Protein backbone atom coordinates (compact mmCIF):
# COMPACT_ATOMS: atom_id res chain seq x y z
CA ARG A 1 1.59 4.63 26.74
CA MET A 2 -2.16 5.23 26.27
CA LEU A 3 -2.90 1.49 26.04
CA ALA A 4 -1.28 0.87 29.44
CA TRP A 5 -3.00 3.86 31.12
CA ARG A 6 -5.02 3.26 34.27
CA LEU A 7 -7.01 5.74 36.33
CA SER A 8 -4.67 4.91 39.21
CA ASP A 9 -1.90 6.63 37.19
CA GLU A 10 -3.63 9.94 37.88
CA GLU A 11 -3.91 11.65 41.22
CA ALA A 12 -7.42 11.44 42.63
CA PRO A 13 -9.19 14.81 42.39
CA PRO A 14 -10.98 16.35 45.34
CA PRO A 15 -14.50 15.00 45.90
CA PRO A 16 -17.12 16.48 43.54
CA GLU A 17 -19.59 18.96 44.91
CA GLY A 18 -22.31 17.20 46.89
CA ILE A 19 -20.16 14.14 47.78
CA VAL A 20 -18.88 14.05 51.32
CA ALA A 21 -15.17 13.26 51.74
CA GLY A 22 -14.76 9.75 53.19
CA SER A 23 -18.27 8.64 52.15
CA GLU A 24 -18.83 5.36 50.26
CA GLU A 25 -19.12 7.20 46.94
CA ASP A 26 -15.90 9.08 47.62
CA SER A 27 -13.99 5.97 48.72
CA GLU A 28 -14.82 4.21 45.41
CA ILE A 29 -13.22 7.10 43.53
CA ARG A 30 -10.13 7.09 45.75
CA ASP A 31 -9.58 3.33 46.28
CA PRO A 32 -6.35 2.43 44.40
CA ALA A 33 -7.62 -1.08 43.57
CA GLU A 34 -10.80 0.33 42.00
CA ARG A 35 -8.85 3.04 40.15
CA ALA A 36 -6.48 0.39 38.72
CA LYS A 37 -9.47 -1.39 37.10
CA VAL A 38 -10.37 1.66 35.02
CA ARG A 39 -8.54 1.55 31.68
CA THR A 40 -8.56 3.47 28.42
CA THR A 41 -11.22 2.55 25.87
CA ILE A 42 -10.25 3.34 22.28
CA PHE A 43 -13.01 3.51 19.67
CA LEU A 44 -12.25 3.31 15.94
CA GLY A 45 -15.03 4.59 13.71
CA CYS A 46 -15.11 4.19 9.95
CA THR A 47 -17.49 3.82 7.04
CA SER A 48 -17.91 0.36 5.58
CA ASN A 49 -16.29 1.31 2.28
CA LEU A 50 -12.90 1.61 4.03
CA ILE A 51 -12.92 -2.16 4.42
CA SER A 52 -13.27 -2.72 0.68
CA ALA A 53 -10.96 0.20 -0.17
CA GLY A 54 -7.84 -1.63 0.95
CA THR A 55 -7.53 -0.78 4.65
CA ARG A 56 -9.05 -4.08 5.78
CA GLU A 57 -5.66 -5.55 6.77
CA SER A 58 -4.69 -2.45 8.74
CA ILE A 59 -7.97 -2.48 10.65
CA ARG A 60 -7.67 -6.24 11.24
CA TYR A 61 -4.15 -5.72 12.63
CA LEU A 62 -5.36 -3.05 15.06
CA LEU A 63 -8.16 -5.27 16.32
CA GLN A 64 -6.14 -8.49 16.44
CA HIS A 65 -3.39 -6.86 18.49
CA LYS A 66 -5.93 -5.17 20.80
CA LEU A 67 -4.80 -1.66 19.84
CA VAL A 68 -8.48 -0.74 19.46
CA SER A 69 -11.15 -1.56 22.02
CA CYS A 70 -14.19 -1.14 19.82
CA LEU A 71 -14.80 -0.93 16.07
CA VAL A 72 -17.83 1.07 14.96
CA THR A 73 -18.75 0.91 11.29
CA THR A 74 -21.50 2.77 9.53
CA ALA A 75 -23.50 2.00 6.44
CA GLY A 76 -21.83 4.97 4.73
CA GLY A 77 -20.96 2.85 1.71
CA VAL A 78 -23.86 0.41 1.89
CA GLU A 79 -24.63 0.80 -1.83
CA GLU A 80 -21.14 -0.47 -2.66
CA ASP A 81 -21.63 -3.47 -0.39
CA LEU A 82 -25.01 -4.25 -1.96
CA MET A 83 -23.65 -4.01 -5.50
CA LYS A 84 -20.85 -6.42 -4.64
CA CYS A 85 -23.32 -8.91 -3.20
CA LEU A 86 -25.68 -8.80 -6.18
CA ALA A 87 -23.21 -9.36 -9.02
CA PRO A 88 -19.52 -9.95 -9.71
CA HIS A 89 -17.31 -6.88 -9.91
CA TYR A 90 -14.49 -6.31 -12.35
CA LEU A 91 -11.39 -4.20 -12.00
CA GLY A 92 -10.87 -2.08 -15.10
CA SER A 93 -7.64 -0.74 -16.49
CA GLN A 94 -6.85 2.93 -16.90
CA ARG A 95 -4.99 4.34 -19.86
CA GLY A 96 -3.17 7.53 -19.15
CA VAL A 97 -4.88 10.89 -19.38
CA GLU A 98 -7.55 9.69 -21.82
CA GLY A 99 -9.55 7.98 -19.08
CA PHE A 100 -10.60 4.42 -18.47
CA ALA A 101 -10.18 1.80 -21.17
CA LEU A 102 -13.62 0.31 -20.46
CA LYS A 103 -16.53 2.31 -21.88
CA GLY A 104 -19.60 2.67 -19.65
CA ALA A 105 -22.08 2.34 -22.56
CA GLU A 106 -20.52 -0.94 -23.70
CA LEU A 107 -20.51 -2.32 -20.17
CA ARG A 108 -24.22 -1.44 -19.74
CA GLN A 109 -25.10 -3.21 -23.00
CA LYS A 110 -23.36 -6.34 -21.69
CA GLY A 111 -25.21 -6.01 -18.38
CA ILE A 112 -21.98 -5.48 -16.44
CA ASN A 113 -22.34 -1.85 -15.36
């Protein structure tokens, strides 16, 4: 319902203080054709790490199907993006409660971490 909303769906309010009823400024607010042109704008804001965290396809779907008007990303996870550009990344395995199977000290010695 929000995606199909138009300003013409709402009743025009009384003229704001200082605008004379029937003036050019007032007629723009009240003209049904002009009101029908005004639509909802939906902004989606997220940090860049959401893209690499697995929500990329969901965000792509929203944009591709025009369910979002504008995507605003921040450099909230810029260090992650830089690390991925500078060297290959590896997905480690986790073993139960003991922690990760890959040891940080060993990875650093190999120049991986």
